[in-house]
Amino acid sequence: MNRKKQASRSSGGRPVPSRANDDRLFRNLVTFVLPEGALFSKDEFHGNIKWVPEQLAAQALIWSWQDSRNVTDAFVKTLEVCERIQLTEGAKTYTAFMNALGRYRGIIGDRLRSRHQELAEEIGGRFFHKDARVLMGFDGSRVTAPRTVANEKAFCAPTYGHGTRAKYGKKKSQGLRRERNKQHKVEPQEPQVWITMLWHMELRLPWTWRLGPSNSSERGHVQEILKEEDFPENTLFCGDAGFVGYSFWKSILDAGSDFLIRVGGNVKLLSEQADIQRLSGGIVLCWPKGKMDSGEPPLRLRLVQVKVGKTKMWMLTNILNGLKLTKKQIVRYYKSRWGIEVEFRGLKQTIDKQKLRCRNNERLLAELDWSLRGMAIAELLALREQIAAKALKSVDYTPQDRSLANTIRALRNCMRNLGGRNKTNDDLMTELANATVQRYHNKTDKRARYRPKNPDKKPLGVPQVRSLTGKEREKLRKYRDENAI
């Protein structure tokens, strides 16, 4: 029997396309992100290196997309993929590869971040802005590291167990049998890495991030980012109730941006009005006593009460005009910010980085850094194909339709079958264009049936707003007169 006829019958009468074309498509995809000889032309590397920086970065990107549980196995598969697509000037051994990523993590990270942000603005098009604003959400999360001496020394908090909440937990568990049972001692602290991410809310893409030990300050990370990086004009930062404080808010204003933050009982504000809470919001001042005495300017802000779902909450913003930032926009923006939680879930579950693999702290940071970058670039590539495909078909599209799981599945399927035979008629670009979430009508409540209530989780409460005293009014009047406000 003719081989072509036999292949046709084995596939149910449908011709099986060759996957050889995906070799070229996959290489074009990598070189689109990492154009050869362009990104690192002004950077200096050690004179004895035997790899090309662009190809090392491409190697790391492919490494981050692998589905192997062990990082060494992922590197072996990466070498096979690089050889197949003719990227032969990368690192040849796992040790050289990880040492290079650790040593040049700052240089490569800075260049790739700038490249990613430029492509996001170029590809995003009309989705890059919303209401003439660039919406950025921020939040933090932790991932676990192996229990090695290096990781414990680098990531464990030295004051673990001595804080107020830890003492409260010990007091609550005094009567438990575990505390009295010497055979079941409490395990020592587990090393964790803190991730603070800034996330583009409309494109639903990681924008930039910082990594640190488990006791890192997410507010400190954001302030560090604001000092070191530039952001587009009319950027509005949106955060949850942990991102509060005079210094933090002032750092956003000094960067020339706006903010929208949820606040509660953890915030103390001043008001020139009689009863601002009865009015469901108004103009308030953030002016702590220490800042007031040292001559720092008061922050004039707007407090707004909104209803998100069934929950009433208080939002604080520096945009004082209610016509420029309406209550409907506030609710819509805050709902969009929740997508960053889904992004963290994708990192931990889809990318499988809830627990990292590397046993050395420097290599572990490189592993996590490239996992985040690989996820961001994969989503950006899927966004490009989906916008182009939907525009060609004149179909409405929003970045919310993109699926991280299907995007990673398409890339891994392509790498797995390079030079082989494909089981479908779709090439890599088509699979990326079709990497969307499944739309269906949900007939039941998706909340967990047996979700227990957390008795230690207290409600956020209402912000503490009080009227200015006579002395404070006098200081405010004097400050306004001196600064002609």
Protein backbone atom coordinates (compact mmCIF):
# COMPACT_ATOMS: atom_id res chain seq x y z
CA MET A 1 0.00 0.00 0.00
CA ASN A 2 1.16 3.53 -0.73
CA ARG A 3 2.56 5.24 2.37
CA LYS A 4 0.62 8.45 1.73
CA LYS A 5 -2.67 6.50 1.55
CA GLN A 6 -1.75 4.58 4.70
CA ALA A 7 -1.04 7.82 6.60
CA SER A 8 -4.32 9.27 5.37
CA ARG A 9 -6.31 6.23 6.57
CA SER A 10 -4.56 6.18 9.97
CA SER A 11 -5.72 9.75 10.56
CA GLY A 12 -9.33 9.09 9.68
CA GLY A 13 -9.05 10.31 6.11
CA ARG A 14 -7.60 13.69 7.16
CA PRO A 15 -4.11 14.52 5.89
CA VAL A 16 -1.53 14.86 8.67
CA PRO A 17 0.44 18.09 8.15
CA SER A 18 4.18 18.27 8.62
CA ARG A 19 5.43 20.04 11.71
CA ALA A 20 8.68 21.10 10.06
CA ASN A 21 7.21 24.54 9.42
CA ASP A 22 6.93 25.04 13.18
CA ASP A 23 10.74 24.98 13.48
CA ARG A 24 10.85 28.22 11.52
CA LEU A 25 7.80 29.69 13.26
CA PHE A 26 9.18 28.95 16.71
CA ARG A 27 12.56 30.49 15.89
CA ASN A 28 10.84 33.57 14.45
CA LEU A 29 8.82 33.83 17.65
CA VAL A 30 11.96 33.79 19.80
CA THR A 31 13.91 36.21 17.59
CA PHE A 32 10.91 38.57 17.55
CA VAL A 33 11.31 39.00 21.30
CA LEU A 34 15.11 38.81 21.22
CA PRO A 35 16.39 40.37 17.97
CA GLU A 36 19.96 39.29 17.38
CA GLY A 37 22.65 41.90 18.01
CA ALA A 38 20.21 44.58 19.21
CA LEU A 39 19.48 44.31 22.93
CA PHE A 40 22.95 43.95 24.47
CA SER A 41 25.10 45.91 22.03
CA LYS A 42 26.03 48.53 24.67
CA ASP A 43 26.58 46.11 27.57
CA GLU A 44 29.88 44.66 28.65
CA PHE A 45 30.33 40.98 29.45
CA HIS A 46 33.32 38.98 30.58
CA GLY A 47 35.88 38.50 27.82
CA ASN A 48 36.01 34.70 28.20
CA ILE A 49 32.34 33.94 27.67
CA LYS A 50 31.59 31.40 24.97
CA TRP A 51 27.94 32.30 24.49
CA VAL A 52 26.09 35.12 22.73
CA PRO A 53 23.92 37.19 25.14
CA GLU A 54 20.83 37.13 22.90
CA GLN A 55 21.06 33.37 22.50
CA LEU A 56 21.62 32.86 26.23
CA ALA A 57 18.46 34.89 26.91
CA ALA A 58 16.58 32.89 24.25
CA GLN A 59 17.84 29.71 25.89
CA ALA A 60 16.57 30.90 29.28
CA LEU A 61 13.19 31.80 27.75
CA ILE A 62 12.80 28.33 26.23
CA TRP A 63 13.96 26.82 29.54
CA SER A 64 11.20 28.69 31.40
CA TRP A 65 8.54 27.19 29.07
CA GLN A 66 9.53 23.55 29.66
CA ASP A 67 7.21 21.21 31.56
CA SER A 68 9.93 19.13 33.25
CA ARG A 69 9.73 19.09 37.01
CA ASN A 70 13.51 19.17 37.47
CA VAL A 71 15.46 22.20 36.27
CA THR A 72 18.28 20.00 34.93
CA ASP A 73 15.87 17.94 32.83
CA ALA A 74 14.37 21.17 31.53
CA PHE A 75 17.84 22.32 30.47
CA VAL A 76 18.46 19.07 28.57
CA LYS A 77 15.21 19.56 26.65
CA THR A 78 16.15 23.19 26.06
CA LEU A 79 19.40 22.13 24.41
CA GLU A 80 17.45 19.84 22.07
CA VAL A 81 15.04 22.64 21.11
CA CYS A 82 17.88 25.13 20.57
CA GLU A 83 19.72 22.67 18.36
CA ARG A 84 16.56 22.06 16.36
CA ILE A 85 15.95 25.77 15.69
CA GLN A 86 19.69 26.44 15.15
CA LEU A 87 20.43 28.50 18.26
CA THR A 88 23.83 26.95 18.87
CA GLU A 89 25.70 29.78 20.60
CA GLY A 90 24.19 29.47 24.05
CA ALA A 91 25.55 27.85 27.20
CA LYS A 92 26.58 24.23 26.71
CA THR A 93 26.27 22.96 30.30
CA TYR A 94 23.74 23.49 33.07
CA THR A 95 26.41 24.90 35.42
CA ALA A 96 27.59 27.48 32.88
CA PHE A 97 23.98 28.34 32.07
CA MET A 98 22.92 28.99 35.68
CA ASN A 99 26.15 30.82 36.55
CA ALA A 100 25.61 33.17 33.60
CA LEU A 101 21.97 33.82 34.54
CA GLY A 102 22.96 34.52 38.13
CA ARG A 103 25.90 36.78 37.32
CA TYR A 104 24.13 38.85 34.64
CA ARG A 105 20.60 38.72 36.05
CA GLY A 106 20.49 42.51 36.43
CA ILE A 107 21.71 43.37 32.92
CA ILE A 108 19.62 40.78 31.11
CA GLY A 109 16.59 41.54 33.26
CA ASP A 110 16.75 45.29 32.56
CA ARG A 111 17.05 44.80 28.79
CA LEU A 112 14.29 42.20 28.63
CA ARG A 113 11.98 44.30 30.79
CA SER A 114 12.40 47.33 28.52
CA ARG A 115 11.87 45.16 25.44
CA HIS A 116 8.76 43.56 26.92
CA GLN A 117 7.24 46.92 27.86
CA GLU A 118 7.91 48.38 24.40
CA LEU A 119 6.28 45.37 22.74
CA ALA A 120 3.32 45.54 25.14
CA GLU A 121 2.59 49.14 24.14
CA GLU A 122 3.11 48.37 20.46
CA ILE A 123 1.03 45.18 20.40
CA GLY A 124 -1.62 46.35 22.86
CA GLY A 125 -2.75 49.23 20.68
CA ARG A 126 -6.13 50.48 21.80
CA PHE A 127 -6.09 48.10 24.77
CA PHE A 128 -3.02 49.80 26.26
CA HIS A 129 -5.15 52.68 27.61
CA LYS A 130 -8.50 52.74 29.34
CA ASP A 131 -10.30 56.07 29.64
CA ALA A 132 -7.04 57.76 28.52
CA ARG A 133 -5.22 56.13 31.47
CA VAL A 134 -2.66 53.36 31.83
CA LEU A 135 -3.98 51.18 34.64
CA MET A 136 -1.40 49.42 36.83
CA GLY A 137 -2.32 47.11 39.67
CA PHE A 138 0.14 45.95 42.30
CA ASP A 139 0.17 43.17 44.84
CA GLY A 140 2.50 40.68 46.51
CA SER A 141 2.68 36.93 47.01
CA ARG A 142 5.10 34.26 48.22
CA VAL A 143 6.48 31.04 46.74
CA THR A 144 8.29 28.32 48.65
CA ALA A 145 11.97 27.37 48.33
CA PRO A 146 13.73 24.10 49.22
CA ARG A 147 15.01 23.79 52.80
CA THR A 148 18.72 24.28 52.20
CA VAL A 149 21.21 26.23 54.29
CA ALA A 150 21.72 28.79 51.51
CA ASN A 151 17.98 29.34 50.98
CA GLU A 152 17.22 29.55 54.71
CA LYS A 153 19.98 32.10 55.21
CA ALA A 154 18.88 34.21 52.23
CA PHE A 155 15.07 34.11 52.51
CA CYS A 156 14.01 33.28 56.09
CA ALA A 157 13.10 36.18 58.37
CA PRO A 158 15.60 36.42 61.27
CA THR A 159 12.86 37.66 63.61
CA TYR A 160 10.40 34.90 62.68
CA GLY A 161 8.08 34.01 65.57
CA HIS A 162 8.74 37.19 67.56
CA GLY A 163 6.12 39.45 66.02
CA THR A 164 2.74 40.47 67.43
CA ARG A 165 0.76 38.12 65.20
CA ALA A 166 3.04 35.19 66.03
CA LYS A 167 2.58 35.75 69.76
CA TYR A 168 -1.17 35.98 69.23
CA GLY A 169 -1.12 32.65 67.36
CA LYS A 170 0.83 30.96 70.16
CA LYS A 171 -1.64 32.26 72.69
CA LYS A 172 -4.55 30.92 70.66
CA SER A 173 -2.96 27.46 70.39
CA GLN A 174 -1.85 27.00 73.99
CA GLY A 175 -4.47 24.39 74.69
CA LEU A 176 -3.75 22.33 71.59
CA ARG A 177 -2.35 18.87 72.09
CA ARG A 178 0.39 19.50 69.56
CA GLU A 179 2.02 22.11 71.81
CA ARG A 180 2.24 19.62 74.67
CA ASN A 181 3.40 16.70 72.55
CA LYS A 182 7.20 16.64 72.33
CA GLN A 183 7.10 14.00 69.60
CA HIS A 184 5.44 16.42 67.17
CA LYS A 185 7.47 19.59 67.45
CA VAL A 186 6.66 22.57 65.27
CA GLU A 187 8.81 22.60 62.14
CA PRO A 188 11.27 25.48 61.66
CA GLN A 189 10.46 28.32 59.30
CA GLU A 190 10.22 27.37 55.64
CA PRO A 191 12.22 29.59 53.25
CA GLN A 192 9.99 31.64 50.97
CA VAL A 193 10.58 34.25 48.28
CA TRP A 194 8.44 37.36 48.17
CA ILE A 195 7.18 38.61 44.79
CA THR A 196 5.87 42.14 44.35
CA MET A 197 4.34 42.54 40.90
CA LEU A 198 3.08 45.52 38.94
CA TRP A 199 0.47 44.30 36.48
CA HIS A 200 -1.05 46.01 33.44
CA MET A 201 -4.76 45.75 34.20
CA GLU A 202 -6.08 46.14 30.64
CA LEU A 203 -3.58 43.96 28.81
CA ARG A 204 -3.55 41.57 31.80
CA LEU A 205 0.22 41.26 31.60
CA PRO A 206 3.00 41.40 34.23
CA TRP A 207 4.72 44.76 33.74
CA THR A 208 7.59 44.60 36.23
CA TRP A 209 8.39 42.93 39.55
CA ARG A 210 10.80 42.72 42.48
CA LEU A 211 11.94 39.65 44.43
CA GLY A 212 13.09 39.44 48.02
CA PRO A 213 13.13 37.40 51.24
CA SER A 214 9.96 36.35 53.00
CA ASN A 215 9.92 39.43 55.25
CA SER A 216 10.17 41.93 52.38
CA SER A 217 7.95 45.00 52.30
CA GLU A 218 5.69 45.11 49.26
CA ARG A 219 5.29 48.84 49.73
CA GLY A 220 9.07 49.19 49.83
CA HIS A 221 9.34 47.18 46.62
CA VAL A 222 6.84 49.44 44.84
CA GLN A 223 8.65 52.57 46.05
CA GLU A 224 11.92 51.12 44.78
CA ILE A 225 10.32 50.46 41.38
CA LEU A 226 8.96 54.01 41.23
CA LYS A 227 12.45 55.43 41.82
CA GLU A 228 14.26 53.17 39.36
CA GLU A 229 11.80 52.84 36.48
CA ASP A 230 9.79 55.15 34.25
CA PHE A 231 6.08 54.75 33.61
CA PRO A 232 3.82 56.02 30.82
CA GLU A 233 1.96 59.28 31.22
CA ASN A 234 -1.40 59.21 32.98
CA THR A 235 -0.61 56.02 34.88
CA LEU A 236 -3.12 55.15 37.60
CA PHE A 237 -1.90 52.70 40.26
CA CYS A 238 -4.56 50.56 41.88
CA GLY A 239 -3.92 48.57 45.06
CA ASP A 240 -5.53 46.80 47.96
CA ALA A 241 -5.64 47.78 51.61
CA GLY A 242 -1.99 46.93 52.32
CA PHE A 243 -0.62 49.80 50.21
CA VAL A 244 -1.27 52.69 52.57
CA GLY A 245 0.71 55.42 54.26
CA TYR A 246 1.83 59.00 53.70
CA SER A 247 5.30 58.09 52.40
CA PHE A 248 3.95 55.48 50.00
CA TRP A 249 1.27 57.72 48.51
CA LYS A 250 3.66 60.66 48.23
CA SER A 251 6.15 58.51 46.29
CA ILE A 252 3.45 57.83 43.68
CA LEU A 253 2.59 61.53 43.44
CA ASP A 254 6.28 62.49 43.17
CA ALA A 255 6.57 60.08 40.24
CA GLY A 256 3.86 62.08 38.45
CA SER A 257 1.19 59.38 38.65
CA ASP A 258 -2.20 58.89 40.30
CA PHE A 259 -3.46 56.19 42.65
CA LEU A 260 -6.63 54.44 43.73
CA ILE A 261 -6.29 52.47 46.98
CA ARG A 262 -8.77 50.63 49.13
CA VAL A 263 -8.61 51.81 52.76
CA GLY A 264 -10.12 50.74 56.06
CA GLY A 265 -9.56 51.03 59.77
CA ASN A 266 -5.79 50.96 59.22
CA VAL A 267 -5.86 54.54 57.89
CA LYS A 268 -6.17 57.81 59.83
CA LEU A 269 -7.27 60.90 57.92
CA LEU A 270 -8.18 64.51 58.69
CA SER A 271 -11.21 66.39 57.43
CA GLU A 272 -12.25 70.00 57.20
CA GLN A 273 -15.89 68.93 56.92
CA ALA A 274 -18.25 68.11 59.77
CA ASP A 275 -19.25 64.49 59.08
CA ILE A 276 -17.54 63.08 56.02
CA GLN A 277 -18.59 59.46 56.62
CA ARG A 278 -22.26 60.42 56.71
CA LEU A 279 -21.76 62.07 53.32
CA SER A 280 -20.22 58.80 51.94
CA GLY A 281 -16.95 60.55 51.20
CA GLY A 282 -15.38 63.86 50.38
CA ILE A 283 -12.06 65.71 50.47
CA VAL A 284 -9.71 64.61 53.25
CA LEU A 285 -6.12 65.25 54.29
CA CYS A 286 -3.38 62.75 55.00
CA TRP A 287 -1.05 64.68 57.30
CA PRO A 288 0.49 62.67 60.16
CA LYS A 289 1.76 64.62 63.14
CA GLY A 290 5.41 63.88 62.38
CA LYS A 291 5.05 65.17 58.80
CA MET A 292 3.07 68.16 60.04
CA ASP A 293 5.75 69.16 62.55
CA SER A 294 8.59 68.68 60.05
CA GLY A 295 6.97 70.95 57.48
CA GLU A 296 6.03 68.24 54.97
CA PRO A 297 3.06 69.14 52.75
CA PRO A 298 -0.39 67.64 53.47
CA LEU A 299 -1.78 65.20 50.90
CA ARG A 300 -5.18 66.41 49.74
CA LEU A 301 -7.15 63.31 48.75
CA ARG A 302 -10.67 62.17 47.95
CA LEU A 303 -12.41 59.49 50.00
CA VAL A 304 -15.23 57.63 48.23
CA GLN A 305 -17.58 54.91 49.43
CA VAL A 306 -18.56 52.42 46.71
CA LYS A 307 -20.25 49.05 46.52
CA VAL A 308 -18.40 46.22 44.80
CA GLY A 309 -20.71 43.25 44.54
CA LYS A 310 -22.35 43.00 47.96
CA THR A 311 -19.48 44.66 49.81
CA LYS A 312 -19.35 48.30 50.74
CA MET A 313 -15.80 49.62 50.76
CA TRP A 314 -13.89 52.88 50.99
CA MET A 315 -11.53 53.97 48.21
CA LEU A 316 -8.94 56.76 48.41
CA THR A 317 -7.56 58.64 45.40
CA ASN A 318 -5.64 61.81 44.64
CA ILE A 319 -8.01 62.61 41.72
CA LEU A 320 -10.26 65.14 43.44
CA ASN A 321 -12.66 65.83 40.58
CA GLY A 322 -15.53 63.34 40.63
CA LEU A 323 -16.12 63.87 36.92
CA LYS A 324 -12.58 62.76 36.03
CA LEU A 325 -12.85 59.61 38.13
CA THR A 326 -16.46 58.55 38.69
CA LYS A 327 -17.77 55.92 41.09
CA LYS A 328 -18.53 53.58 38.18
CA GLN A 329 -14.94 53.85 37.00
CA ILE A 330 -13.66 53.21 40.53
CA VAL A 331 -15.71 50.02 40.80
CA ARG A 332 -14.63 48.85 37.34
CA TYR A 333 -10.95 49.53 38.02
CA TYR A 334 -10.98 47.80 41.38
CA LYS A 335 -12.67 44.73 39.89
CA SER A 336 -10.04 44.63 37.13
CA ARG A 337 -7.27 44.74 39.73
CA TRP A 338 -8.39 41.33 40.97
CA GLY A 339 -6.86 39.79 37.85
CA ILE A 340 -3.40 40.03 39.43
CA GLU A 341 -4.51 37.34 41.89
CA VAL A 342 -5.32 35.12 38.90
CA GLU A 343 -1.85 35.89 37.51
CA PHE A 344 -0.23 34.64 40.71
CA ARG A 345 -2.40 31.54 40.55
CA GLY A 346 -1.17 30.92 36.99
CA LEU A 347 2.44 31.19 38.14
CA LYS A 348 1.92 28.72 40.98
CA GLN A 349 -0.37 26.22 39.27
CA THR A 350 -0.06 26.49 35.49
CA ILE A 351 3.69 27.22 35.50
CA ASP A 352 4.03 24.97 38.58
CA LYS A 353 6.17 27.34 40.64
CA GLN A 354 4.34 27.10 43.96
CA LYS A 355 7.54 25.41 45.15
CA LEU A 356 10.78 26.25 43.37
CA ARG A 357 13.48 23.68 42.60
CA CYS A 358 16.93 25.27 42.91
CA ARG A 359 18.85 24.66 46.13
CA ASN A 360 21.17 27.64 45.77
CA ASN A 361 19.69 31.05 46.58
CA GLU A 362 21.22 32.85 43.55
CA ARG A 363 20.08 30.16 41.14
CA LEU A 364 16.67 30.09 42.78
CA LEU A 365 16.19 33.82 42.14
CA ALA A 366 17.18 33.25 38.50
CA GLU A 367 14.67 30.39 38.26
CA LEU A 368 11.83 32.50 39.65
CA ASP A 369 12.80 35.58 37.66
CA TRP A 370 12.74 33.67 34.37
CA SER A 371 9.51 31.87 35.30
CA LEU A 372 7.82 35.26 35.65
CA ARG A 373 9.44 36.58 32.47
CA GLY A 374 8.59 33.46 30.49
CA MET A 375 4.96 33.71 31.60
CA ALA A 376 4.78 37.42 30.69
CA ILE A 377 6.34 36.95 27.23
CA ALA A 378 4.19 33.90 26.46
CA GLU A 379 1.04 35.89 27.23
CA LEU A 380 2.32 38.81 25.15
CA LEU A 381 2.89 36.57 22.14
CA ALA A 382 -0.58 35.06 22.49
CA LEU A 383 -2.03 38.56 22.75
CA ARG A 384 -0.35 39.55 19.48
CA GLU A 385 -1.74 36.56 17.59
CA GLN A 386 -5.24 36.91 19.06
CA ILE A 387 -5.55 40.63 18.30
CA ALA A 388 -4.43 40.02 14.71
CA ALA A 389 -6.72 37.00 14.24
CA LYS A 390 -9.80 38.71 15.68
CA ALA A 391 -9.16 41.86 13.63
CA LEU A 392 -8.92 39.75 10.48
CA LYS A 393 -12.28 38.14 11.25
CA SER A 394 -13.82 41.44 12.49
CA VAL A 395 -14.70 39.79 15.81
CA ASP A 396 -14.83 41.63 19.14
CA TYR A 397 -11.95 40.74 21.42
CA THR A 398 -10.69 41.68 24.88
CA PRO A 399 -7.48 40.51 26.59
CA GLN A 400 -9.69 38.87 29.23
CA ASP A 401 -10.37 36.12 26.67
CA ARG A 402 -6.73 34.97 26.75
CA SER A 403 -5.92 31.72 28.55
CA LEU A 404 -2.51 31.25 30.14
CA ALA A 405 -2.97 27.49 30.36
CA ASN A 406 -3.78 27.13 26.66
CA THR A 407 -0.94 29.50 25.74
CA ILE A 408 1.65 27.45 27.63
CA ARG A 409 0.10 24.25 26.27
CA ALA A 410 0.52 25.52 22.69
CA LEU A 411 4.20 26.43 23.23
CA ARG A 412 5.01 23.14 24.92
CA ASN A 413 3.18 21.16 22.26
CA CYS A 414 5.21 22.93 19.58
CA MET A 415 8.54 22.29 21.34
CA ARG A 416 7.61 18.67 21.92
CA ASN A 417 6.86 18.09 18.22
CA LEU A 418 9.51 20.15 16.48
CA GLY A 419 10.44 18.39 13.27
CA GLY A 420 7.82 15.72 13.91
CA ARG A 421 4.21 15.20 12.94
CA ASN A 422 1.38 17.31 14.28
CA LYS A 423 -1.87 15.78 15.50
CA THR A 424 -3.92 18.76 14.33
CA ASN A 425 -4.10 20.96 11.26
CA ASP A 426 -3.04 24.05 13.26
CA ASP A 427 0.44 25.53 13.33
CA LEU A 428 1.93 27.33 16.35
CA MET A 429 0.52 30.76 15.48
CA THR A 430 -2.97 29.37 15.02
CA GLU A 431 -2.80 27.56 18.35
CA LEU A 432 -1.70 30.77 20.07
CA ALA A 433 -4.56 32.65 18.41
CA ASN A 434 -6.98 30.02 19.70
CA ALA A 435 -5.51 30.02 23.24
CA THR A 436 -8.60 31.57 24.79
CA VAL A 437 -10.73 30.73 27.80
CA GLN A 438 -13.77 28.54 27.39
CA ARG A 439 -16.98 30.58 27.41
CA TYR A 440 -20.03 28.87 28.85
CA HIS A 441 -23.06 29.74 30.95
CA ASN A 442 -22.48 28.74 34.55
CA LYS A 443 -25.71 27.45 36.11
CA THR A 444 -24.39 26.91 39.63
CA ASP A 445 -22.60 28.92 42.28
CA LYS A 446 -18.84 28.46 41.88
CA ARG A 447 -18.01 29.23 45.50
CA ALA A 448 -16.58 26.35 47.50
CA ARG A 449 -19.31 24.38 49.26
CA TYR A 450 -17.25 23.72 52.36
CA ARG A 451 -15.22 26.90 52.58
CA PRO A 452 -14.57 27.43 56.30
CA LYS A 453 -14.77 30.86 57.86
CA ASN A 454 -11.53 32.29 59.18
CA PRO A 455 -12.16 33.56 62.73
CA ASP A 456 -8.83 35.41 62.80
CA LYS A 457 -9.59 37.42 59.67
CA LYS A 458 -11.12 40.64 60.87
CA PRO A 459 -13.19 42.92 58.62
CA LEU A 460 -11.29 45.82 57.13
CA GLY A 461 -13.49 48.37 58.85
CA VAL A 462 -14.00 52.06 58.20
CA PRO A 463 -11.18 54.62 57.84
CA GLN A 464 -10.66 56.79 60.90
CA VAL A 465 -11.57 60.33 59.87
CA ARG A 466 -11.65 63.16 62.40
CA SER A 467 -12.03 66.92 62.15
CA LEU A 468 -9.02 69.20 62.38
CA THR A 469 -8.29 70.71 65.76
CA GLY A 470 -7.76 74.42 66.21
CA LYS A 471 -3.97 74.08 66.23
CA GLU A 472 -4.05 71.87 63.15
CA ARG A 473 -6.25 74.36 61.30
CA GLU A 474 -3.81 77.10 62.16
CA LYS A 475 -0.84 75.04 60.88
CA LEU A 476 -2.75 74.28 57.69
CA ARG A 477 -3.59 77.96 57.18
CA LYS A 478 0.04 78.94 57.80
CA TYR A 479 1.31 76.30 55.36
CA ARG A 480 -1.10 77.48 52.67
CA ASP A 481 -0.09 81.09 53.15
CA GLU A 482 3.63 80.28 52.93
CA ASN A 483 3.20 78.16 49.80
CA ALA A 484 0.46 80.30 48.22
CA ILE A 485 -1.97 77.41 47.92
